[in-house]
Amino acid sequence: MSMSAAVSIAAFMPFMGALVRLRANYNPKAIGFAGTENTVGPRLTGLWGTLKRTKRLEGWYGLYKGAFASFAHVVLISTFTILFIGAAGYKNVAQRKASFGLFLLPFVTAAIALPMAILENRAIITPYRLPNNLRGSLDILLSNHERARPLSLYTTPGLLPAVFIRSLLHLLVVRGLHAAILGGQKIGNAAAWRTILYLFFLAISTLWITPLDVIITKLSVQPNVGGEVAVSSDEIDESTPEGLRFAGTDEDVIGLRPTTEAYTSLVDAAHKINDEEGWETFYRGWWWTALAAVVPFLLTGH
């Protein structure tokens, strides 16, 4: 399991990192001359454009930032899935019979995914080169409030409900649609029209899963300062531990929403993303989400 996770991350980390940057990028609309509409901040042109910008500004190191956090995330999720529903269920969640372990699975995966998403996504988007020790990295990635109270990661505004809804929807789509359309059969045993219909519904599930992924990404990179007064990015830079180096040039790969204007909830984030950046922001990298839903089914048959 660990070896396959390492190989997968080595192959796909640059794309995963580009996807996180693309979705986290804050690109608000601005009114230009003669009423023309412009945008403020880095304008990323899709996944490939984000990859090229990251490589140009941060080199190969930037493409693999967050790899260790991603590896830990995959191993933890896989381990707890096996513990709760067994190795057979881990390989075939869609055909797994209802059980208490399966009922608990979305709660457990959400509990693990939330802090790991925060660490993973912040490790990817930070402009700094992270030190080779956990404590030093956490000093950079977490706020003072989060380091003093680790459980406050779960109270990051809007993030817990977003991650839970996302985990629940994924399980319902994978298991529910498989049972309803394929009757629990593998791809080779089901009628062709059933397989095509299942793939179709898997693909269109991106219509509601992708917006959640975008919101989760934006919420996860927003520091939880608790009762502290939010500070500007300039003040944060001044308080950053000494001895740090930028991962590349002094130019940031992406822009982030000001910490002084933080999202306050899942609904608030959805409204502000729509109002400030436009509805199309919710579908950044939608085809990656579609592939992630369809390809595993084609490869495993369930």
C-alpha atoms as a PDB file:
ATOM      1  CA  MET A   1       0.000   0.000   0.000  1.00  0.00           C
ATOM      2  CA  SER A   2       2.774   2.426   0.981  1.00  0.00           C
ATOM      3  CA  MET A   3       4.802   1.627  -2.125  1.00  0.00           C
ATOM      4  CA  SER A   4       1.850   2.102  -4.483  1.00  0.00           C
ATOM      5  CA  ALA A   5       1.008   5.383  -2.729  1.00  0.00           C
ATOM      6  CA  ALA A   6       4.588   6.596  -3.151  1.00  0.00           C
ATOM      7  CA  VAL A   7       4.622   5.699  -6.853  1.00  0.00           C
ATOM      8  CA  SER A   8       1.270   7.400  -7.435  1.00  0.00           C
ATOM      9  CA  ILE A   9       2.392  10.577  -5.682  1.00  0.00           C
ATOM     10  CA  ALA A  10       5.675  10.626  -7.590  1.00  0.00           C
ATOM     11  CA  ALA A  11       3.731  10.425 -10.854  1.00  0.00           C
ATOM     12  CA  PHE A  12       0.810  12.724 -10.081  1.00  0.00           C
ATOM     13  CA  MET A  13       2.035  15.200  -7.438  1.00  0.00           C
ATOM     14  CA  PRO A  14       2.866  17.953  -9.970  1.00  0.00           C
ATOM     15  CA  PHE A  15      -0.686  17.754 -11.320  1.00  0.00           C
ATOM     16  CA  MET A  16      -2.248  17.567  -7.850  1.00  0.00           C
ATOM     17  CA  GLY A  17      -0.205  20.586  -6.767  1.00  0.00           C
ATOM     18  CA  ALA A  18      -1.220  22.523  -9.868  1.00  0.00           C
ATOM     19  CA  LEU A  19      -4.867  21.678  -9.210  1.00  0.00           C
ATOM     20  CA  VAL A  20      -4.648  22.965  -5.624  1.00  0.00           C
ATOM     21  CA  ARG A  21      -2.973  26.187  -6.778  1.00  0.00           C
ATOM     22  CA  LEU A  22      -5.522  26.678  -9.545  1.00  0.00           C
ATOM     23  CA  ARG A  23      -8.434  26.275  -7.136  1.00  0.00           C
ATOM     24  CA  ALA A  24      -6.880  28.267  -4.287  1.00  0.00           C
ATOM     25  CA  ASN A  25      -5.918  31.220  -6.491  1.00  0.00           C
ATOM     26  CA  TYR A  26      -7.850  34.374  -5.630  1.00  0.00           C
ATOM     27  CA  ASN A  27      -8.718  36.117  -8.866  1.00  0.00           C
ATOM     28  CA  PRO A  28     -11.430  38.720  -8.123  1.00  0.00           C
ATOM     29  CA  LYS A  29     -13.073  40.669 -10.884  1.00  0.00           C
ATOM     30  CA  ALA A  30     -12.348  44.362 -11.285  1.00  0.00           C
ATOM     31  CA  ILE A  31     -13.980  47.017 -13.432  1.00  0.00           C
ATOM     32  CA  GLY A  32     -11.582  48.460 -15.969  1.00  0.00           C
ATOM     33  CA  PHE A  33     -11.788  51.374 -18.358  1.00  0.00           C
ATOM     34  CA  ALA A  34     -15.032  51.884 -20.266  1.00  0.00           C
ATOM     35  CA  GLY A  35     -16.737  49.335 -18.025  1.00  0.00           C
ATOM     36  CA  THR A  36     -14.596  46.432 -19.252  1.00  0.00           C
ATOM     37  CA  GLU A  37     -14.170  43.585 -16.817  1.00  0.00           C
ATOM     38  CA  ASN A  38     -10.667  42.642 -15.685  1.00  0.00           C
ATOM     39  CA  THR A  39      -9.276  40.509 -12.887  1.00  0.00           C
ATOM     40  CA  VAL A  40      -6.846  41.250 -10.081  1.00  0.00           C
ATOM     41  CA  GLY A  41      -3.866  39.034  -9.234  1.00  0.00           C
ATOM     42  CA  PRO A  42      -2.255  36.112 -11.101  1.00  0.00           C
ATOM     43  CA  ARG A  43      -4.476  34.789 -13.863  1.00  0.00           C
ATOM     44  CA  LEU A  44      -3.918  31.045 -14.133  1.00  0.00           C
ATOM     45  CA  THR A  45      -4.915  29.522 -17.458  1.00  0.00           C
ATOM     46  CA  GLY A  46      -5.913  26.016 -16.513  1.00  0.00           C
ATOM     47  CA  LEU A  47      -3.936  23.118 -15.097  1.00  0.00           C
ATOM     48  CA  TRP A  48      -1.200  23.157 -17.730  1.00  0.00           C
ATOM     49  CA  GLY A  49      -0.691  26.901 -17.432  1.00  0.00           C
ATOM     50  CA  THR A  50      -0.424  26.554 -13.647  1.00  0.00           C
ATOM     51  CA  LEU A  51       2.153  23.780 -14.047  1.00  0.00           C
ATOM     52  CA  LYS A  52       4.280  25.945 -16.326  1.00  0.00           C
ATOM     53  CA  ARG A  53       4.036  28.966 -14.026  1.00  0.00           C
ATOM     54  CA  THR A  54       5.020  26.869 -10.991  1.00  0.00           C
ATOM     55  CA  LYS A  55       7.979  25.339 -12.836  1.00  0.00           C
ATOM     56  CA  ARG A  56       9.127  28.777 -13.996  1.00  0.00           C
ATOM     57  CA  LEU A  57       8.894  30.417 -10.573  1.00  0.00           C
ATOM     58  CA  GLU A  58       9.776  27.564  -8.188  1.00  0.00           C
ATOM     59  CA  GLY A  59      11.401  24.873 -10.312  1.00  0.00           C
ATOM     60  CA  TRP A  60      11.068  21.138  -9.703  1.00  0.00           C
ATOM     61  CA  TYR A  61      10.949  21.707  -5.952  1.00  0.00           C
ATOM     62  CA  GLY A  62       7.744  23.687  -6.358  1.00  0.00           C
ATOM     63  CA  LEU A  63       6.129  20.933  -8.405  1.00  0.00           C
ATOM     64  CA  TYR A  64       6.649  18.443  -5.568  1.00  0.00           C
ATOM     65  CA  LYS A  65       5.821  20.671  -2.602  1.00  0.00           C
ATOM     66  CA  GLY A  66       3.341  18.910  -0.342  1.00  0.00           C
ATOM     67  CA  ALA A  67       4.403  15.411  -1.420  1.00  0.00           C
ATOM     68  CA  PHE A  68       5.131  14.195   2.117  1.00  0.00           C
ATOM     69  CA  ALA A  69       1.785  15.478   3.404  1.00  0.00           C
ATOM     70  CA  SER A  70       0.005  13.848   0.447  1.00  0.00           C
ATOM     71  CA  PHE A  71       1.725  10.529   1.149  1.00  0.00           C
ATOM     72  CA  ALA A  72       0.693  10.653   4.820  1.00  0.00           C
ATOM     73  CA  HIS A  73      -2.861  11.555   3.789  1.00  0.00           C
ATOM     74  CA  VAL A  74      -3.204   8.585   1.423  1.00  0.00           C
ATOM     75  CA  VAL A  75      -1.690   6.102   3.885  1.00  0.00           C
ATOM     76  CA  LEU A  76      -3.898   7.269   6.765  1.00  0.00           C
ATOM     77  CA  ILE A  77      -7.115   7.162   4.735  1.00  0.00           C
ATOM     78  CA  SER A  78      -6.263   3.717   3.316  1.00  0.00           C
ATOM     79  CA  THR A  79      -5.307   2.335   6.731  1.00  0.00           C
ATOM     80  CA  PHE A  80      -8.456   3.502   8.490  1.00  0.00           C
ATOM     81  CA  THR A  81     -10.646   2.341   5.596  1.00  0.00           C
ATOM     82  CA  ILE A  82      -9.186  -1.157   5.939  1.00  0.00           C
ATOM     83  CA  LEU A  83      -9.635  -1.059   9.722  1.00  0.00           C
ATOM     84  CA  PHE A  84     -13.305  -0.125   9.451  1.00  0.00           C
ATOM     85  CA  ILE A  85     -14.499  -2.215   6.502  1.00  0.00           C
ATOM     86  CA  GLY A  86     -11.695  -4.715   5.894  1.00  0.00           C
ATOM     87  CA  ALA A  87      -9.242  -5.204   3.051  1.00  0.00           C
ATOM     88  CA  ALA A  88     -11.908  -6.613   0.724  1.00  0.00           C
ATOM     89  CA  GLY A  89     -14.162  -3.638   1.376  1.00  0.00           C
ATOM     90  CA  TYR A  90     -11.257  -1.250   0.794  1.00  0.00           C
ATOM     91  CA  LYS A  91     -10.755  -2.693  -2.670  1.00  0.00           C
ATOM     92  CA  ASN A  92     -14.456  -2.707  -3.455  1.00  0.00           C
ATOM     93  CA  VAL A  93     -16.388  -0.108  -1.470  1.00  0.00           C
ATOM     94  CA  ALA A  94     -19.128  -0.010  -4.110  1.00  0.00           C
ATOM     95  CA  GLN A  95     -20.097  -3.663  -3.529  1.00  0.00           C
ATOM     96  CA  ARG A  96     -19.563  -3.702   0.235  1.00  0.00           C
ATOM     97  CA  LYS A  97     -22.696  -4.691   2.160  1.00  0.00           C
ATOM     98  CA  ALA A  98     -24.119  -2.231   4.663  1.00  0.00           C
ATOM     99  CA  SER A  99     -22.405  -2.427   8.037  1.00  0.00           C
ATOM    100  CA  PHE A 100     -21.701  -0.271  11.054  1.00  0.00           C
ATOM    101  CA  GLY A 101     -18.137   0.192   9.823  1.00  0.00           C
ATOM    102  CA  LEU A 102     -19.372   1.405   6.461  1.00  0.00           C
ATOM    103  CA  PHE A 103     -21.766   3.788   8.229  1.00  0.00           C
ATOM    104  CA  LEU A 104     -18.878   5.251  10.239  1.00  0.00           C
ATOM    105  CA  LEU A 105     -16.535   5.498   7.249  1.00  0.00           C
ATOM    106  CA  PRO A 106     -17.557   8.998   6.023  1.00  0.00           C
ATOM    107  CA  PHE A 107     -17.201  10.358   9.564  1.00  0.00           C
ATOM    108  CA  VAL A 108     -13.746   8.817   9.958  1.00  0.00           C
ATOM    109  CA  THR A 109     -12.493   9.868   6.535  1.00  0.00           C
ATOM    110  CA  ALA A 110     -13.767  13.409   7.106  1.00  0.00           C
ATOM    111  CA  ALA A 111     -12.006  13.543  10.493  1.00  0.00           C
ATOM    112  CA  ILE A 112      -8.721  12.518   8.856  1.00  0.00           C
ATOM    113  CA  ALA A 113      -9.141  14.404   5.602  1.00  0.00           C
ATOM    114  CA  LEU A 114      -9.759  17.787   7.213  1.00  0.00           C
ATOM    115  CA  PRO A 115      -6.429  18.367   9.026  1.00  0.00           C
ATOM    116  CA  MET A 116      -4.519  16.582   6.276  1.00  0.00           C
ATOM    117  CA  ALA A 117      -6.140  18.755   3.594  1.00  0.00           C
ATOM    118  CA  ILE A 118      -5.095  21.842   5.553  1.00  0.00           C
ATOM    119  CA  LEU A 119      -1.465  20.711   5.863  1.00  0.00           C
ATOM    120  CA  GLU A 120      -1.270  19.354   2.318  1.00  0.00           C
ATOM    121  CA  ASN A 121      -2.806  22.377   0.611  1.00  0.00           C
ATOM    122  CA  ARG A 122      -0.876  24.934   2.645  1.00  0.00           C
ATOM    123  CA  ALA A 123       2.374  23.059   1.996  1.00  0.00           C
ATOM    124  CA  ILE A 124       1.642  23.319  -1.720  1.00  0.00           C
ATOM    125  CA  ILE A 125       0.728  27.003  -1.849  1.00  0.00           C
ATOM    126  CA  THR A 126       3.237  28.437   0.633  1.00  0.00           C
ATOM    127  CA  PRO A 127       5.853  30.599  -1.124  1.00  0.00           C
ATOM    128  CA  TYR A 128       8.509  29.364   1.309  1.00  0.00           C
ATOM    129  CA  ARG A 129      10.867  26.411   1.139  1.00  0.00           C
ATOM    130  CA  LEU A 130       9.808  24.185   4.023  1.00  0.00           C
ATOM    131  CA  PRO A 131      12.488  22.934   6.468  1.00  0.00           C
ATOM    132  CA  ASN A 132      13.251  19.215   6.731  1.00  0.00           C
ATOM    133  CA  ASN A 133      11.578  18.817  10.109  1.00  0.00           C
ATOM    134  CA  LEU A 134       7.942  18.599  11.138  1.00  0.00           C
ATOM    135  CA  ARG A 135       8.069  21.257  13.859  1.00  0.00           C
ATOM    136  CA  GLY A 136       9.647  23.848  11.589  1.00  0.00           C
ATOM    137  CA  SER A 137       7.145  23.124   8.828  1.00  0.00           C
ATOM    138  CA  LEU A 138       4.189  23.425  11.199  1.00  0.00           C
ATOM    139  CA  ASP A 139       5.497  26.800  12.389  1.00  0.00           C
ATOM    140  CA  ILE A 140       5.123  28.017   8.807  1.00  0.00           C
ATOM    141  CA  LEU A 141       1.906  26.263   7.817  1.00  0.00           C
ATOM    142  CA  LEU A 142      -0.207  26.853  10.932  1.00  0.00           C
ATOM    143  CA  SER A 143      -1.262  30.013  12.736  1.00  0.00           C
ATOM    144  CA  ASN A 144      -0.306  30.657  16.364  1.00  0.00           C
ATOM    145  CA  HIS A 145      -3.853  29.722  17.377  1.00  0.00           C
ATOM    146  CA  GLU A 146      -3.757  26.447  15.414  1.00  0.00           C
ATOM    147  CA  ARG A 147      -0.392  25.414  16.864  1.00  0.00           C
ATOM    148  CA  ALA A 148      -1.548  26.145  20.417  1.00  0.00           C
ATOM    149  CA  ARG A 149      -4.898  24.384  19.902  1.00  0.00           C
ATOM    150  CA  PRO A 150      -4.601  21.669  17.209  1.00  0.00           C
ATOM    151  CA  LEU A 151      -8.298  20.807  17.501  1.00  0.00           C
ATOM    152  CA  SER A 152      -9.069  24.306  16.217  1.00  0.00           C
ATOM    153  CA  LEU A 153      -8.297  22.915  12.751  1.00  0.00           C
ATOM    154  CA  TYR A 154     -11.740  21.312  12.959  1.00  0.00           C
ATOM    155  CA  THR A 155     -13.351  24.677  13.661  1.00  0.00           C
ATOM    156  CA  THR A 156     -11.893  26.377  10.603  1.00  0.00           C
ATOM    157  CA  PRO A 157     -14.976  28.259   9.342  1.00  0.00           C
ATOM    158  CA  GLY A 158     -16.996  26.129   6.934  1.00  0.00           C
ATOM    159  CA  LEU A 159     -14.364  23.456   6.384  1.00  0.00           C
ATOM    160  CA  LEU A 160     -15.737  20.585   8.488  1.00  0.00           C
ATOM    161  CA  PRO A 161     -19.241  20.595   6.939  1.00  0.00           C
ATOM    162  CA  ALA A 162     -17.742  20.921   3.455  1.00  0.00           C
ATOM    163  CA  VAL A 163     -15.385  17.957   3.949  1.00  0.00           C
ATOM    164  CA  PHE A 164     -18.105  15.820   5.543  1.00  0.00           C
ATOM    165  CA  ILE A 165     -20.640  16.552   2.783  1.00  0.00           C
ATOM    166  CA  ARG A 166     -17.978  15.802   0.192  1.00  0.00           C
ATOM    167  CA  SER A 167     -17.072  12.452   1.839  1.00  0.00           C
ATOM    168  CA  LEU A 168     -20.732  11.479   2.203  1.00  0.00           C
ATOM    169  CA  LEU A 169     -21.607  12.379  -1.390  1.00  0.00           C
ATOM    170  CA  HIS A 170     -18.642  10.417  -2.699  1.00  0.00           C
ATOM    171  CA  LEU A 171     -19.680   7.314  -0.763  1.00  0.00           C
ATOM    172  CA  LEU A 172     -23.323   7.661  -1.809  1.00  0.00           C
ATOM    173  CA  VAL A 173     -22.394   8.125  -5.469  1.00  0.00           C
ATOM    174  CA  VAL A 174     -19.922   5.242  -5.569  1.00  0.00           C
ATOM    175  CA  ARG A 175     -21.985   2.768  -3.563  1.00  0.00           C
ATOM    176  CA  GLY A 176     -25.516   3.989  -4.228  1.00  0.00           C
ATOM    177  CA  LEU A 177     -25.231   4.308  -7.997  1.00  0.00           C
ATOM    178  CA  HIS A 178     -23.316   1.038  -8.266  1.00  0.00           C
ATOM    179  CA  ALA A 179     -26.092  -0.826  -6.477  1.00  0.00           C
ATOM    180  CA  ALA A 180     -28.919   0.978  -8.288  1.00  0.00           C
ATOM    181  CA  ILE A 181     -27.558   0.748 -11.835  1.00  0.00           C
ATOM    182  CA  LEU A 182     -25.162  -2.203 -11.905  1.00  0.00           C
ATOM    183  CA  GLY A 183     -26.804  -4.264  -9.191  1.00  0.00           C
ATOM    184  CA  GLY A 184     -23.416  -4.698  -7.514  1.00  0.00           C
ATOM    185  CA  GLN A 185     -21.910  -6.447 -10.559  1.00  0.00           C
ATOM    186  CA  LYS A 186     -18.429  -5.837 -11.932  1.00  0.00           C
ATOM    187  CA  ILE A 187     -17.978  -3.950 -15.187  1.00  0.00           C
ATOM    188  CA  GLY A 188     -17.460  -7.130 -17.229  1.00  0.00           C
ATOM    189  CA  ASN A 189     -20.590  -8.829 -15.890  1.00  0.00           C
ATOM    190  CA  ALA A 190     -23.084  -5.989 -16.319  1.00  0.00           C
ATOM    191  CA  ALA A 191     -24.933  -5.120 -19.515  1.00  0.00           C
ATOM    192  CA  ALA A 192     -23.152  -2.564 -21.696  1.00  0.00           C
ATOM    193  CA  TRP A 193     -25.952  -0.011 -21.380  1.00  0.00           C
ATOM    194  CA  ARG A 194     -25.807  -0.257 -17.595  1.00  0.00           C
ATOM    195  CA  THR A 195     -22.065   0.322 -17.609  1.00  0.00           C
ATOM    196  CA  ILE A 196     -22.408   3.343 -19.902  1.00  0.00           C
ATOM    197  CA  LEU A 197     -25.218   4.762 -17.753  1.00  0.00           C
ATOM    198  CA  TYR A 198     -23.137   4.298 -14.585  1.00  0.00           C
ATOM    199  CA  LEU A 199     -20.129   6.016 -16.164  1.00  0.00           C
ATOM    200  CA  PHE A 200     -22.381   8.863 -17.277  1.00  0.00           C
ATOM    201  CA  PHE A 201     -23.697   9.448 -13.763  1.00  0.00           C
ATOM    202  CA  LEU A 202     -20.193   9.166 -12.314  1.00  0.00           C
ATOM    203  CA  ALA A 203     -19.038  11.855 -14.727  1.00  0.00           C
ATOM    204  CA  ILE A 204     -21.901  14.261 -14.032  1.00  0.00           C
ATOM    205  CA  SER A 205     -21.396  13.845 -10.284  1.00  0.00           C
ATOM    206  CA  THR A 206     -18.604  16.370 -10.852  1.00  0.00           C
ATOM    207  CA  LEU A 207     -21.346  19.016 -11.166  1.00  0.00           C
ATOM    208  CA  TRP A 208     -21.764  19.060  -7.385  1.00  0.00           C
ATOM    209  CA  ILE A 209     -18.484  17.510  -6.194  1.00  0.00           C
ATOM    210  CA  THR A 210     -16.175  19.954  -8.023  1.00  0.00           C
ATOM    211  CA  PRO A 211     -17.671  23.097  -6.400  1.00  0.00           C
ATOM    212  CA  LEU A 212     -17.201  21.448  -2.999  1.00  0.00           C
ATOM    213  CA  ASP A 213     -13.577  20.652  -3.857  1.00  0.00           C
ATOM    214  CA  VAL A 214     -12.958  24.279  -4.828  1.00  0.00           C
ATOM    215  CA  ILE A 215     -14.561  25.580  -1.622  1.00  0.00           C
ATOM    216  CA  ILE A 216     -12.631  23.058   0.506  1.00  0.00           C
ATOM    217  CA  THR A 217      -9.368  24.159  -1.100  1.00  0.00           C
ATOM    218  CA  LYS A 218     -10.031  27.852  -0.493  1.00  0.00           C
ATOM    219  CA  LEU A 219     -11.171  27.280   3.099  1.00  0.00           C
ATOM    220  CA  SER A 220      -8.233  24.998   3.914  1.00  0.00           C
ATOM    221  CA  VAL A 221      -5.592  27.607   3.037  1.00  0.00           C
ATOM    222  CA  GLN A 222      -7.310  30.236   5.184  1.00  0.00           C
ATOM    223  CA  PRO A 223      -5.625  30.328   8.638  1.00  0.00           C
ATOM    224  CA  ASN A 224      -7.839  29.965  11.682  1.00  0.00           C
ATOM    225  CA  VAL A 225      -6.763  32.733  14.057  1.00  0.00           C
ATOM    226  CA  GLY A 226      -9.460  32.034  16.650  1.00  0.00           C
ATOM    227  CA  GLY A 227     -10.176  35.119  18.725  1.00  0.00           C
ATOM    228  CA  GLU A 228      -7.024  36.858  17.517  1.00  0.00           C
ATOM    229  CA  VAL A 229      -7.300  39.949  15.383  1.00  0.00           C
ATOM    230  CA  ALA A 230      -6.710  39.065  11.739  1.00  0.00           C
ATOM    231  CA  VAL A 231      -3.576  40.624  10.313  1.00  0.00           C
ATOM    232  CA  SER A 232      -2.569  41.599   6.822  1.00  0.00           C
ATOM    233  CA  SER A 233      -0.255  39.551   4.620  1.00  0.00           C
ATOM    234  CA  ASP A 234       2.533  42.085   5.147  1.00  0.00           C
ATOM    235  CA  GLU A 235       2.324  41.667   8.923  1.00  0.00           C
ATOM    236  CA  ILE A 236       2.338  37.884   8.539  1.00  0.00           C
ATOM    237  CA  ASP A 237       5.497  38.073   6.417  1.00  0.00           C
ATOM    238  CA  GLU A 238       7.190  40.205   9.082  1.00  0.00           C
ATOM    239  CA  SER A 239       6.374  37.639  11.789  1.00  0.00           C
ATOM    240  CA  THR A 240       7.546  34.643   9.769  1.00  0.00           C
ATOM    241  CA  PRO A 241      10.423  32.712  11.416  1.00  0.00           C
ATOM    242  CA  GLU A 242      13.870  33.928  10.424  1.00  0.00           C
ATOM    243  CA  GLY A 243      16.110  31.953   8.105  1.00  0.00           C
ATOM    244  CA  LEU A 244      13.385  31.030   5.630  1.00  0.00           C
ATOM    245  CA  ARG A 245      13.970  31.123   1.916  1.00  0.00           C
ATOM    246  CA  PHE A 246      11.470  31.556  -0.861  1.00  0.00           C
ATOM    247  CA  ALA A 247      10.863  28.392  -2.864  1.00  0.00           C
ATOM    248  CA  GLY A 248      11.694  30.323  -6.013  1.00  0.00           C
ATOM    249  CA  THR A 249      11.593  33.953  -7.039  1.00  0.00           C
ATOM    250  CA  ASP A 250      10.055  36.752  -4.984  1.00  0.00           C
ATOM    251  CA  GLU A 251       6.936  36.487  -7.168  1.00  0.00           C
ATOM    252  CA  ASP A 252       4.131  34.323  -5.769  1.00  0.00           C
ATOM    253  CA  VAL A 253       2.687  31.606  -7.978  1.00  0.00           C
ATOM    254  CA  ILE A 254      -0.862  32.423  -6.865  1.00  0.00           C
ATOM    255  CA  GLY A 255      -2.775  35.148  -5.067  1.00  0.00           C
ATOM    256  CA  LEU A 256      -4.680  34.535  -1.840  1.00  0.00           C
ATOM    257  CA  ARG A 257      -7.716  36.252  -0.375  1.00  0.00           C
ATOM    258  CA  PRO A 258      -6.727  38.799   2.316  1.00  0.00           C
ATOM    259  CA  THR A 259      -6.718  37.230   5.788  1.00  0.00           C
ATOM    260  CA  THR A 260      -8.484  40.340   7.064  1.00  0.00           C
ATOM    261  CA  GLU A 261     -11.519  39.391   4.947  1.00  0.00           C
ATOM    262  CA  ALA A 262     -11.811  35.709   5.792  1.00  0.00           C
ATOM    263  CA  TYR A 263     -14.699  33.455   4.769  1.00  0.00           C
ATOM    264  CA  THR A 264     -16.934  32.901   7.796  1.00  0.00           C
ATOM    265  CA  SER A 265     -18.827  29.748   6.764  1.00  0.00           C
ATOM    266  CA  LEU A 266     -19.453  27.308   3.926  1.00  0.00           C
ATOM    267  CA  VAL A 267     -22.411  29.355   2.672  1.00  0.00           C
ATOM    268  CA  ASP A 268     -20.493  32.617   3.048  1.00  0.00           C
ATOM    269  CA  ALA A 269     -17.605  31.177   1.035  1.00  0.00           C
ATOM    270  CA  ALA A 270     -19.942  30.016  -1.732  1.00  0.00           C
ATOM    271  CA  HIS A 271     -21.606  33.437  -1.979  1.00  0.00           C
ATOM    272  CA  LYS A 272     -18.344  35.389  -1.946  1.00  0.00           C
ATOM    273  CA  ILE A 273     -16.614  33.138  -4.478  1.00  0.00           C
ATOM    274  CA  ASN A 274     -19.574  33.576  -6.819  1.00  0.00           C
ATOM    275  CA  ASP A 275     -19.826  37.346  -6.282  1.00  0.00           C
ATOM    276  CA  GLU A 276     -16.102  38.126  -6.391  1.00  0.00           C
ATOM    277  CA  GLU A 277     -14.691  35.605  -8.866  1.00  0.00           C
ATOM    278  CA  GLY A 278     -17.676  34.333 -10.831  1.00  0.00           C
ATOM    279  CA  TRP A 279     -19.551  31.021 -10.946  1.00  0.00           C
ATOM    280  CA  GLU A 280     -17.007  29.481 -13.321  1.00  0.00           C
ATOM    281  CA  THR A 281     -14.521  29.484 -10.439  1.00  0.00           C
ATOM    282  CA  PHE A 282     -16.478  26.584  -8.917  1.00  0.00           C
ATOM    283  CA  TYR A 283     -15.506  24.393 -11.871  1.00  0.00           C
ATOM    284  CA  ARG A 284     -11.764  24.914 -11.941  1.00  0.00           C
ATOM    285  CA  GLY A 285     -10.210  21.548 -12.781  1.00  0.00           C
ATOM    286  CA  TRP A 286     -13.592  19.867 -13.250  1.00  0.00           C
ATOM    287  CA  TRP A 287     -12.215  17.382 -15.761  1.00  0.00           C
ATOM    288  CA  TRP A 288      -9.666  16.174 -13.174  1.00  0.00           C
ATOM    289  CA  THR A 289     -12.529  15.404 -10.772  1.00  0.00           C
ATOM    290  CA  ALA A 290     -14.384  13.606 -13.572  1.00  0.00           C
ATOM    291  CA  LEU A 291     -11.338  11.487 -14.402  1.00  0.00           C
ATOM    292  CA  ALA A 292     -10.816  10.684 -10.719  1.00  0.00           C
ATOM    293  CA  ALA A 293     -14.383   9.343 -10.606  1.00  0.00           C
ATOM    294  CA  VAL A 294     -14.380   7.369 -13.859  1.00  0.00           C
ATOM    295  CA  VAL A 295     -10.833   6.006 -14.296  1.00  0.00           C
ATOM    296  CA  PRO A 296     -10.696   3.891 -11.079  1.00  0.00           C
ATOM    297  CA  PHE A 297     -13.947   2.190 -12.120  1.00  0.00           C
ATOM    298  CA  LEU A 298     -12.560   1.395 -15.571  1.00  0.00           C
ATOM    299  CA  LEU A 299      -9.311   0.038 -14.120  1.00  0.00           C
ATOM    300  CA  THR A 300     -10.783  -2.085 -11.329  1.00  0.00           C
ATOM    301  CA  GLY A 301     -14.170  -2.986 -12.752  1.00  0.00           C
ATOM    302  CA  HIS A 302     -16.054  -1.837  -9.637  1.00  0.00           C
END
